[in-house]
Amino acid sequence: MKVLLELIRIAFIFVFFGGILSAFIKYVYSKLGTDTNTYGWMGLIAILILFLVLYRNKLQFSGWYKGKGREKLPKKVSKLLISSSILLLLLPPILSFFLS
């Protein structure tokens, strides 16, 4: 039962907060003149990566599931994922500017 509650919690976090952040990024991209239909997927992937790092390093320890496999990501992996996520967030306006 606790595993099911944790899965529902994860889905809620990803869908609700991911949707809000995705809408915000789409708004910012549209204000910058970036084509969100072409490059919007990069922002979505960046949000998912950021939530993955956040969940694995913080949120999994405050949930219902207390079983095996609960450990933080290594610092190098966390830094690499966060850096790639930031790059993915910054890339669409740059690509849109140079390729249009």
PDB file of N, CA and C in Angstrom:
ATOM      1  N   MET A   1       0.820  -1.198   0.000  1.00  0.00           N
ATOM      2  CA  MET A   1       0.000   0.000   0.000  1.00  0.00           C
ATOM      3  C   MET A   1       0.861   1.258   0.000  1.00  0.00           C
ATOM      4  N   LYS A   2       1.972   1.214   0.773  1.00  0.00           N
ATOM      5  CA  LYS A   2       2.842   2.378   0.841  1.00  0.00           C
ATOM      6  C   LYS A   2       3.512   2.654  -0.498  1.00  0.00           C
ATOM      7  N   VAL A   3       3.802   1.587  -1.234  1.00  0.00           N
ATOM      8  CA  VAL A   3       4.415   1.761  -2.552  1.00  0.00           C
ATOM      9  C   VAL A   3       3.435   2.460  -3.490  1.00  0.00           C
ATOM     10  N   LEU A   4       2.181   2.076  -3.443  1.00  0.00           N
ATOM     11  CA  LEU A   4       1.155   2.705  -4.276  1.00  0.00           C
ATOM     12  C   LEU A   4       0.984   4.182  -3.921  1.00  0.00           C
ATOM     13  N   LEU A   5       0.962   4.491  -2.632  1.00  0.00           N
ATOM     14  CA  LEU A   5       0.859   5.885  -2.207  1.00  0.00           C
ATOM     15  C   LEU A   5       2.061   6.703  -2.687  1.00  0.00           C
ATOM     16  N   GLU A   6       3.235   6.102  -2.640  1.00  0.00           N
ATOM     17  CA  GLU A   6       4.438   6.801  -3.099  1.00  0.00           C
ATOM     18  C   GLU A   6       4.392   7.035  -4.608  1.00  0.00           C
ATOM     19  N   LEU A   7       3.903   6.064  -5.356  1.00  0.00           N
ATOM     20  CA  LEU A   7       3.768   6.240  -6.810  1.00  0.00           C
ATOM     21  C   LEU A   7       2.761   7.337  -7.152  1.00  0.00           C
ATOM     22  N   ILE A   8       1.665   7.389  -6.410  1.00  0.00           N
ATOM     23  CA  ILE A   8       0.682   8.457  -6.621  1.00  0.00           C
ATOM     24  C   ILE A   8       1.302   9.807  -6.284  1.00  0.00           C
ATOM     25  N   ARG A   9       2.075   9.861  -5.212  1.00  0.00           N
ATOM     26  CA  ARG A   9       2.751  11.102  -4.812  1.00  0.00           C
ATOM     27  C   ARG A   9       3.734  11.560  -5.889  1.00  0.00           C
ATOM     28  N   ILE A  10       4.514  10.627  -6.439  1.00  0.00           N
ATOM     29  CA  ILE A  10       5.474  10.960  -7.494  1.00  0.00           C
ATOM     30  C   ILE A  10       4.738  11.473  -8.721  1.00  0.00           C
ATOM     31  N   ALA A  11       3.683  10.777  -9.124  1.00  0.00           N
ATOM     32  CA  ALA A  11       2.922  11.194 -10.299  1.00  0.00           C
ATOM     33  C   ALA A  11       2.327  12.582 -10.101  1.00  0.00           C
ATOM     34  N   PHE A  12       1.799  12.855  -8.916  1.00  0.00           N
ATOM     35  CA  PHE A  12       1.239  14.172  -8.639  1.00  0.00           C
ATOM     36  C   PHE A  12       2.307  15.251  -8.726  1.00  0.00           C
ATOM     37  N   ILE A  13       3.451  15.010  -8.123  1.00  0.00           N
ATOM     38  CA  ILE A  13       4.537  15.996  -8.153  1.00  0.00           C
ATOM     39  C   ILE A  13       4.971  16.270  -9.581  1.00  0.00           C
ATOM     40  N   PHE A  14       5.193  15.223 -10.353  1.00  0.00           N
ATOM     41  CA  PHE A  14       5.671  15.405 -11.719  1.00  0.00           C
ATOM     42  C   PHE A  14       4.620  16.066 -12.601  1.00  0.00           C
ATOM     43  N   VAL A  15       3.371  15.633 -12.501  1.00  0.00           N
ATOM     44  CA  VAL A  15       2.329  16.176 -13.374  1.00  0.00           C
ATOM     45  C   VAL A  15       1.936  17.595 -12.968  1.00  0.00           C
ATOM     46  N   PHE A  16       1.669  17.824 -11.691  1.00  0.00           N
ATOM     47  CA  PHE A  16       1.194  19.132 -11.251  1.00  0.00           C
ATOM     48  C   PHE A  16       2.282  20.199 -11.355  1.00  0.00           C
ATOM     49  N   PHE A  17       3.382  19.977 -10.661  1.00  0.00           N
ATOM     50  CA  PHE A  17       4.442  20.988 -10.673  1.00  0.00           C
ATOM     51  C   PHE A  17       5.167  21.036 -12.016  1.00  0.00           C
ATOM     52  N   GLY A  18       5.288  19.889 -12.676  1.00  0.00           N
ATOM     53  CA  GLY A  18       5.870  19.870 -14.016  1.00  0.00           C
ATOM     54  C   GLY A  18       5.009  20.638 -15.008  1.00  0.00           C
ATOM     55  N   GLY A  19       3.701  20.525 -14.877  1.00  0.00           N
ATOM     56  CA  GLY A  19       2.791  21.271 -15.750  1.00  0.00           C
ATOM     57  C   GLY A  19       2.887  22.770 -15.528  1.00  0.00           C
ATOM     58  N   ILE A  20       2.976  23.169 -14.262  1.00  0.00           N
ATOM     59  CA  ILE A  20       3.100  24.599 -13.958  1.00  0.00           C
ATOM     60  C   ILE A  20       4.409  25.153 -14.509  1.00  0.00           C
ATOM     61  N   LEU A  21       5.508  24.442 -14.260  1.00  0.00           N
ATOM     62  CA  LEU A  21       6.803  24.909 -14.768  1.00  0.00           C
ATOM     63  C   LEU A  21       6.857  24.882 -16.294  1.00  0.00           C
ATOM     64  N   SER A  22       6.252  23.876 -16.884  1.00  0.00           N
ATOM     65  CA  SER A  22       6.223  23.789 -18.340  1.00  0.00           C
ATOM     66  C   SER A  22       5.456  24.967 -18.950  1.00  0.00           C
ATOM     67  N   ALA A  23       4.334  25.312 -18.353  1.00  0.00           N
ATOM     68  CA  ALA A  23       3.567  26.464 -18.842  1.00  0.00           C
ATOM     69  C   ALA A  23       4.353  27.757 -18.679  1.00  0.00           C
ATOM     70  N   PHE A  24       5.063  27.895 -17.562  1.00  0.00           N
ATOM     71  CA  PHE A  24       5.878  29.085 -17.337  1.00  0.00           C
ATOM     72  C   PHE A  24       7.012  29.186 -18.358  1.00  0.00           C
ATOM     73  N   ILE A  25       7.674  28.072 -18.617  1.00  0.00           N
ATOM     74  CA  ILE A  25       8.779  28.085 -19.582  1.00  0.00           C
ATOM     75  C   ILE A  25       8.256  28.349 -20.987  1.00  0.00           C
ATOM     76  N   LYS A  26       7.116  27.780 -21.320  1.00  0.00           N
ATOM     77  CA  LYS A  26       6.519  28.041 -22.628  1.00  0.00           C
ATOM     78  C   LYS A  26       6.168  29.524 -22.778  1.00  0.00           C
ATOM     79  N   TYR A  27       5.674  30.134 -21.706  1.00  0.00           N
ATOM     80  CA  TYR A  27       5.370  31.575 -21.711  1.00  0.00           C
ATOM     81  C   TYR A  27       6.645  32.397 -21.916  1.00  0.00           C
ATOM     82  N   VAL A  28       7.699  32.055 -21.189  1.00  0.00           N
ATOM     83  CA  VAL A  28       8.967  32.787 -21.316  1.00  0.00           C
ATOM     84  C   VAL A  28       9.530  32.618 -22.724  1.00  0.00           C
ATOM     85  N   TYR A  29       9.499  31.403 -23.248  1.00  0.00           N
ATOM     86  CA  TYR A  29       9.993  31.175 -24.607  1.00  0.00           C
ATOM     87  C   TYR A  29       9.195  31.980 -25.630  1.00  0.00           C
ATOM     88  N   SER A  30       7.883  32.037 -25.460  1.00  0.00           N
ATOM     89  CA  SER A  30       7.062  32.791 -26.421  1.00  0.00           C
ATOM     90  C   SER A  30       7.359  34.288 -26.334  1.00  0.00           C
ATOM     91  N   LYS A  31       7.631  34.793 -25.129  1.00  0.00           N
ATOM     92  CA  LYS A  31       7.990  36.214 -24.979  1.00  0.00           C
ATOM     93  C   LYS A  31       9.351  36.510 -25.596  1.00  0.00           C
ATOM     94  N   LEU A  32      10.241  35.525 -25.616  1.00  0.00           N
ATOM     95  CA  LEU A  32      11.560  35.701 -26.225  1.00  0.00           C
ATOM     96  C   LEU A  32      11.529  35.475 -27.735  1.00  0.00           C
ATOM     97  N   GLY A  33      10.383  35.074 -28.259  1.00  0.00           N
ATOM     98  CA  GLY A  33      10.249  34.853 -29.700  1.00  0.00           C
ATOM     99  C   GLY A  33      10.707  33.475 -30.138  1.00  0.00           C
ATOM    100  N   THR A  34      10.784  32.544 -29.220  1.00  0.00           N
ATOM    101  CA  THR A  34      11.210  31.183 -29.535  1.00  0.00           C
ATOM    102  C   THR A  34      10.003  30.362 -29.972  1.00  0.00           C
ATOM    103  N   ASP A  35      10.190  29.566 -31.014  1.00  0.00           N
ATOM    104  CA  ASP A  35       9.117  28.701 -31.491  1.00  0.00           C
ATOM    105  C   ASP A  35       8.945  27.533 -30.520  1.00  0.00           C
ATOM    106  N   THR A  36       7.888  27.561 -29.738  1.00  0.00           N
ATOM    107  CA  THR A  36       7.690  26.534 -28.715  1.00  0.00           C
ATOM    108  C   THR A  36       7.280  25.192 -29.318  1.00  0.00           C
ATOM    109  N   ASN A  37       6.720  25.193 -30.521  1.00  0.00           N
ATOM    110  CA  ASN A  37       6.360  23.924 -31.154  1.00  0.00           C
ATOM    111  C   ASN A  37       7.592  23.149 -31.584  1.00  0.00           C
ATOM    112  N   THR A  38       8.638  23.863 -31.964  1.00  0.00           N
ATOM    113  CA  THR A  38       9.858  23.205 -32.417  1.00  0.00           C
ATOM    114  C   THR A  38      10.798  22.883 -31.260  1.00  0.00           C
ATOM    115  N   TYR A  39      10.959  23.810 -30.336  1.00  0.00           N
ATOM    116  CA  TYR A  39      11.969  23.668 -29.293  1.00  0.00           C
ATOM    117  C   TYR A  39      11.409  23.455 -27.888  1.00  0.00           C
ATOM    118  N   GLY A  40      10.112  23.387 -27.734  1.00  0.00           N
ATOM    119  CA  GLY A  40       9.507  23.247 -26.414  1.00  0.00           C
ATOM    120  C   GLY A  40       9.848  21.946 -25.716  1.00  0.00           C
ATOM    121  N   TRP A  41      10.142  20.903 -26.472  1.00  0.00           N
ATOM    122  CA  TRP A  41      10.465  19.612 -25.872  1.00  0.00           C
ATOM    123  C   TRP A  41      11.743  19.677 -25.049  1.00  0.00           C
ATOM    124  N   MET A  42      12.657  20.568 -25.395  1.00  0.00           N
ATOM    125  CA  MET A  42      13.903  20.686 -24.633  1.00  0.00           C
ATOM    126  C   MET A  42      13.623  21.190 -23.221  1.00  0.00           C
ATOM    127  N   GLY A  43      12.720  22.142 -23.098  1.00  0.00           N
ATOM    128  CA  GLY A  43      12.348  22.640 -21.774  1.00  0.00           C
ATOM    129  C   GLY A  43      11.662  21.569 -20.948  1.00  0.00           C
ATOM    130  N   LEU A  44      10.824  20.762 -21.582  1.00  0.00           N
ATOM    131  CA  LEU A  44      10.137  19.685 -20.874  1.00  0.00           C
ATOM    132  C   LEU A  44      11.132  18.640 -20.368  1.00  0.00           C
ATOM    133  N   ILE A  45      12.084  18.267 -21.195  1.00  0.00           N
ATOM    134  CA  ILE A  45      13.111  17.306 -20.773  1.00  0.00           C
ATOM    135  C   ILE A  45      13.933  17.887 -19.625  1.00  0.00           C
ATOM    136  N   ALA A  46      14.251  19.182 -19.692  1.00  0.00           N
ATOM    137  CA  ALA A  46      15.020  19.835 -18.629  1.00  0.00           C
ATOM    138  C   ALA A  46      14.257  19.806 -17.310  1.00  0.00           C
ATOM    139  N   ILE A  47      12.960  20.061 -17.359  1.00  0.00           N
ATOM    140  CA  ILE A  47      12.132  20.022 -16.147  1.00  0.00           C
ATOM    141  C   ILE A  47      12.108  18.614 -15.563  1.00  0.00           C
ATOM    142  N   LEU A  48      11.960  17.615 -16.407  1.00  0.00           N
ATOM    143  CA  LEU A  48      11.938  16.235 -15.926  1.00  0.00           C
ATOM    144  C   LEU A  48      13.263  15.849 -15.276  1.00  0.00           C
ATOM    145  N   ILE A  49      14.369  16.281 -15.860  1.00  0.00           N
ATOM    146  CA  ILE A  49      15.676  15.988 -15.273  1.00  0.00           C
ATOM    147  C   ILE A  49      15.815  16.674 -13.916  1.00  0.00           C
ATOM    148  N   LEU A  50      15.394  17.928 -13.829  1.00  0.00           N
ATOM    149  CA  LEU A  50      15.481  18.641 -12.551  1.00  0.00           C
ATOM    150  C   LEU A  50      14.626  17.976 -11.470  1.00  0.00           C
ATOM    151  N   PHE A  51      13.425  17.535 -11.829  1.00  0.00           N
ATOM    152  CA  PHE A  51      12.576  16.851 -10.862  1.00  0.00           C
ATOM    153  C   PHE A  51      13.160  15.496 -10.460  1.00  0.00           C
ATOM    154  N   LEU A  52      13.813  14.824 -11.393  1.00  0.00           N
ATOM    155  CA  LEU A  52      14.460  13.565 -11.057  1.00  0.00           C
ATOM    156  C   LEU A  52      15.540  13.783 -10.003  1.00  0.00           C
ATOM    157  N   VAL A  53      16.378  14.786 -10.201  1.00  0.00           N
ATOM    158  CA  VAL A  53      17.436  15.083  -9.238  1.00  0.00           C
ATOM    159  C   VAL A  53      16.829  15.500  -7.901  1.00  0.00           C
ATOM    160  N   LEU A  54      15.821  16.354  -7.939  1.00  0.00           N
ATOM    161  CA  LEU A  54      15.167  16.794  -6.707  1.00  0.00           C
ATOM    162  C   LEU A  54      14.558  15.611  -5.958  1.00  0.00           C
ATOM    163  N   TYR A  55      13.886  14.731  -6.671  1.00  0.00           N
ATOM    164  CA  TYR A  55      13.260  13.588  -6.012  1.00  0.00           C
ATOM    165  C   TYR A  55      14.302  12.649  -5.425  1.00  0.00           C
ATOM    166  N   ARG A  56      15.312  12.316  -6.230  1.00  0.00           N
ATOM    167  CA  ARG A  56      16.300  11.350  -5.749  1.00  0.00           C
ATOM    168  C   ARG A  56      17.144  11.885  -4.598  1.00  0.00           C
ATOM    169  N   ASN A  57      17.354  13.201  -4.533  1.00  0.00           N
ATOM    170  CA  ASN A  57      18.212  13.754  -3.490  1.00  0.00           C
ATOM    171  C   ASN A  57      17.452  14.262  -2.267  1.00  0.00           C
ATOM    172  N   LYS A  58      16.181  14.600  -2.391  1.00  0.00           N
ATOM    173  CA  LYS A  58      15.437  15.166  -1.262  1.00  0.00           C
ATOM    174  C   LYS A  58      14.097  14.482  -1.006  1.00  0.00           C
ATOM    175  N   LEU A  59      13.240  14.463  -2.002  1.00  0.00           N
ATOM    176  CA  LEU A  59      11.842  14.084  -1.784  1.00  0.00           C
ATOM    177  C   LEU A  59      11.622  12.615  -1.449  1.00  0.00           C
ATOM    178  N   GLN A  60      12.498  11.728  -1.891  1.00  0.00           N
ATOM    179  CA  GLN A  60      12.273  10.307  -1.613  1.00  0.00           C
ATOM    180  C   GLN A  60      12.425   9.973  -0.129  1.00  0.00           C
ATOM    181  N   PHE A  61      13.090  10.834   0.611  1.00  0.00           N
ATOM    182  CA  PHE A  61      13.302  10.569   2.030  1.00  0.00           C
ATOM    183  C   PHE A  61      12.158  11.085   2.897  1.00  0.00           C
ATOM    184  N   SER A  62      11.225  11.818   2.297  1.00  0.00           N
ATOM    185  CA  SER A  62      10.101  12.341   3.071  1.00  0.00           C
ATOM    186  C   SER A  62       8.784  11.661   2.712  1.00  0.00           C
ATOM    187  N   GLY A  63       8.832  10.606   1.935  1.00  0.00           N
ATOM    188  CA  GLY A  63       7.613   9.947   1.493  1.00  0.00           C
ATOM    189  C   GLY A  63       7.210   8.774   2.371  1.00  0.00           C
ATOM    190  N   TRP A  64       6.275   7.975   1.851  1.00  0.00           N
ATOM    191  CA  TRP A  64       5.746   6.836   2.587  1.00  0.00           C
ATOM    192  C   TRP A  64       6.627   5.603   2.471  1.00  0.00           C
ATOM    193  N   TYR A  65       7.325   5.457   1.352  1.00  0.00           N
ATOM    194  CA  TYR A  65       8.111   4.249   1.111  1.00  0.00           C
ATOM    195  C   TYR A  65       9.393   4.288   1.941  1.00  0.00           C
ATOM    196  N   LYS A  66       9.634   3.228   2.699  1.00  0.00           N
ATOM    197  CA  LYS A  66      10.813   3.151   3.563  1.00  0.00           C
ATOM    198  C   LYS A  66      11.668   1.925   3.246  1.00  0.00           C
ATOM    199  N   GLY A  67      11.535   1.358   2.056  1.00  0.00           N
ATOM    200  CA  GLY A  67      12.220   0.118   1.717  1.00  0.00           C
ATOM    201  C   GLY A  67      13.628   0.324   1.193  1.00  0.00           C
ATOM    202  N   LYS A  68      14.109  -0.685   0.459  1.00  0.00           N
ATOM    203  CA  LYS A  68      15.466  -0.670  -0.082  1.00  0.00           C
ATOM    204  C   LYS A  68      15.600   0.321  -1.228  1.00  0.00           C
ATOM    205  N   GLY A  69      16.841   0.621  -1.563  1.00  0.00           N
ATOM    206  CA  GLY A  69      17.129   1.425  -2.740  1.00  0.00           C
ATOM    207  C   GLY A  69      16.987   2.920  -2.562  1.00  0.00           C
ATOM    208  N   ARG A  70      16.874   3.369  -1.342  1.00  0.00           N
ATOM    209  CA  ARG A  70      16.726   4.809  -1.098  1.00  0.00           C
ATOM    210  C   ARG A  70      18.101   5.398  -0.811  1.00  0.00           C
ATOM    211  N   GLU A  71      18.724   5.957  -1.827  1.00  0.00           N
ATOM    212  CA  GLU A  71      20.000   6.621  -1.623  1.00  0.00           C
ATOM    213  C   GLU A  71      20.102   7.794  -2.586  1.00  0.00           C
ATOM    214  N   LYS A  72      20.893   8.767  -2.196  1.00  0.00           N
ATOM    215  CA  LYS A  72      21.054   9.963  -3.012  1.00  0.00           C
ATOM    216  C   LYS A  72      21.875   9.656  -4.255  1.00  0.00           C
ATOM    217  N   LEU A  73      21.695  10.502  -5.263  1.00  0.00           N
ATOM    218  CA  LEU A  73      22.563  10.427  -6.429  1.00  0.00           C
ATOM    219  C   LEU A  73      23.952  10.901  -6.040  1.00  0.00           C
ATOM    220  N   PRO A  74      24.999  10.356  -6.662  1.00  0.00           N
ATOM    221  CA  PRO A  74      26.339  10.888  -6.401  1.00  0.00           C
ATOM    222  C   PRO A  74      26.426  12.360  -6.804  1.00  0.00           C
ATOM    223  N   LYS A  75      27.274  13.103  -6.127  1.00  0.00           N
ATOM    224  CA  LYS A  75      27.376  14.547  -6.376  1.00  0.00           C
ATOM    225  C   LYS A  75      27.752  14.853  -7.822  1.00  0.00           C
ATOM    226  N   LYS A  76      28.661  14.075  -8.406  1.00  0.00           N
ATOM    227  CA  LYS A  76      29.073  14.309  -9.799  1.00  0.00           C
ATOM    228  C   LYS A  76      27.905  14.100 -10.752  1.00  0.00           C
ATOM    229  N   VAL A  77      27.121  13.084 -10.502  1.00  0.00           N
ATOM    230  CA  VAL A  77      25.952  12.808 -11.350  1.00  0.00           C
ATOM    231  C   VAL A  77      24.924  13.924 -11.204  1.00  0.00           C
ATOM    232  N   SER A  78      24.700  14.363  -9.970  1.00  0.00           N
ATOM    233  CA  SER A  78      23.751  15.459  -9.739  1.00  0.00           C
ATOM    234  C   SER A  78      24.197  16.719 -10.467  1.00  0.00           C
ATOM    235  N   LYS A  79      25.473  17.056 -10.360  1.00  0.00           N
ATOM    236  CA  LYS A  79      25.988  18.255 -11.033  1.00  0.00           C
ATOM    237  C   LYS A  79      25.889  18.128 -12.544  1.00  0.00           C
ATOM    238  N   LEU A  80      26.186  16.947 -13.077  1.00  0.00           N
ATOM    239  CA  LEU A  80      26.091  16.733 -14.518  1.00  0.00           C
ATOM    240  C   LEU A  80      24.649  16.869 -14.999  1.00  0.00           C
ATOM    241  N   LEU A  81      23.707  16.272 -14.262  1.00  0.00           N
ATOM    242  CA  LEU A  81      22.303  16.347 -14.663  1.00  0.00           C
ATOM    243  C   LEU A  81      21.761  17.772 -14.560  1.00  0.00           C
ATOM    244  N   ILE A  82      22.117  18.484 -13.504  1.00  0.00           N
ATOM    245  CA  ILE A  82      21.651  19.867 -13.349  1.00  0.00           C
ATOM    246  C   ILE A  82      22.257  20.752 -14.431  1.00  0.00           C
ATOM    247  N   SER A  83      23.541  20.555 -14.747  1.00  0.00           N
ATOM    248  CA  SER A  83      24.183  21.344 -15.807  1.00  0.00           C
ATOM    249  C   SER A  83      23.546  21.074 -17.163  1.00  0.00           C
ATOM    250  N   SER A  84      23.278  19.816 -17.454  1.00  0.00           N
ATOM    251  CA  SER A  84      22.646  19.503 -18.739  1.00  0.00           C
ATOM    252  C   SER A  84      21.220  20.046 -18.796  1.00  0.00           C
ATOM    253  N   SER A  85      20.541  20.055 -17.664  1.00  0.00           N
ATOM    254  CA  SER A  85      19.190  20.613 -17.620  1.00  0.00           C
ATOM    255  C   SER A  85      19.208  22.124 -17.874  1.00  0.00           C
ATOM    256  N   ILE A  86      20.141  22.816 -17.267  1.00  0.00           N
ATOM    257  CA  ILE A  86      20.264  24.259 -17.498  1.00  0.00           C
ATOM    258  C   ILE A  86      20.610  24.538 -18.954  1.00  0.00           C
ATOM    259  N   LEU A  87      21.502  23.721 -19.510  1.00  0.00           N
ATOM    260  CA  LEU A  87      21.842  23.876 -20.925  1.00  0.00           C
ATOM    261  C   LEU A  87      20.618  23.667 -21.812  1.00  0.00           C
ATOM    262  N   LEU A  88      19.816  22.661 -21.490  1.00  0.00           N
ATOM    263  CA  LEU A  88      18.602  22.412 -22.263  1.00  0.00           C
ATOM    264  C   LEU A  88      17.594  23.551 -22.126  1.00  0.00           C
ATOM    265  N   LEU A  89      17.561  24.209 -20.976  1.00  0.00           N
ATOM    266  CA  LEU A  89      16.654  25.352 -20.809  1.00  0.00           C
ATOM    267  C   LEU A  89      17.134  26.574 -21.593  1.00  0.00           C
ATOM    268  N   LEU A  90      18.438  26.755 -21.703  1.00  0.00           N
ATOM    269  CA  LEU A  90      18.982  27.925 -22.391  1.00  0.00           C
ATOM    270  C   LEU A  90      19.117  27.734 -23.899  1.00  0.00           C
ATOM    271  N   LEU A  91      19.154  26.512 -24.346  1.00  0.00           N
ATOM    272  CA  LEU A  91      19.395  26.218 -25.760  1.00  0.00           C
ATOM    273  C   LEU A  91      18.283  26.652 -26.719  1.00  0.00           C
ATOM    274  N   PRO A  92      16.989  26.488 -26.405  1.00  0.00           N
ATOM    275  CA  PRO A  92      15.953  26.865 -27.379  1.00  0.00           C
ATOM    276  C   PRO A  92      15.987  28.321 -27.843  1.00  0.00           C
ATOM    277  N   PRO A  93      16.124  29.315 -26.944  1.00  0.00           N
ATOM    278  CA  PRO A  93      16.197  30.688 -27.476  1.00  0.00           C
ATOM    279  C   PRO A  93      17.423  30.930 -28.341  1.00  0.00           C
ATOM    280  N   ILE A  94      18.537  30.294 -27.996  1.00  0.00           N
ATOM    281  CA  ILE A  94      19.760  30.462 -28.773  1.00  0.00           C
ATOM    282  C   ILE A  94      19.600  29.823 -30.144  1.00  0.00           C
ATOM    283  N   LEU A  95      19.088  28.597 -30.183  1.00  0.00           N
ATOM    284  CA  LEU A  95      18.865  27.934 -31.471  1.00  0.00           C
ATOM    285  C   LEU A  95      17.847  28.672 -32.314  1.00  0.00           C
ATOM    286  N   SER A  96      16.802  29.155 -31.699  1.00  0.00           N
ATOM    287  CA  SER A  96      15.780  29.884 -32.436  1.00  0.00           C
ATOM    288  C   SER A  96      16.349  31.163 -33.053  1.00  0.00           C
ATOM    289  N   PHE A  97      17.236  31.818 -32.317  1.00  0.00           N
ATOM    290  CA  PHE A  97      17.844  33.059 -32.806  1.00  0.00           C
ATOM    291  C   PHE A  97      18.768  32.781 -33.996  1.00  0.00           C
ATOM    292  N   PHE A  98      19.603  31.756 -33.887  1.00  0.00           N
ATOM    293  CA  PHE A  98      20.579  31.487 -34.931  1.00  0.00           C
ATOM    294  C   PHE A  98      20.005  30.735 -36.125  1.00  0.00           C
ATOM    295  N   LEU A  99      18.968  29.956 -35.940  1.00  0.00           N
ATOM    296  CA  LEU A  99      18.435  29.150 -37.035  1.00  0.00           C
ATOM    297  C   LEU A  99      17.208  29.775 -37.709  1.00  0.00           C
ATOM    298  N   SER A 100      16.801  30.961 -37.282  1.00  0.00           N
ATOM    299  CA  SER A 100      15.647  31.570 -37.942  1.00  0.00           C
ATOM    300  C   SER A 100      16.053  32.683 -38.865  1.00  0.00           C
TER     301      SER A 100
END
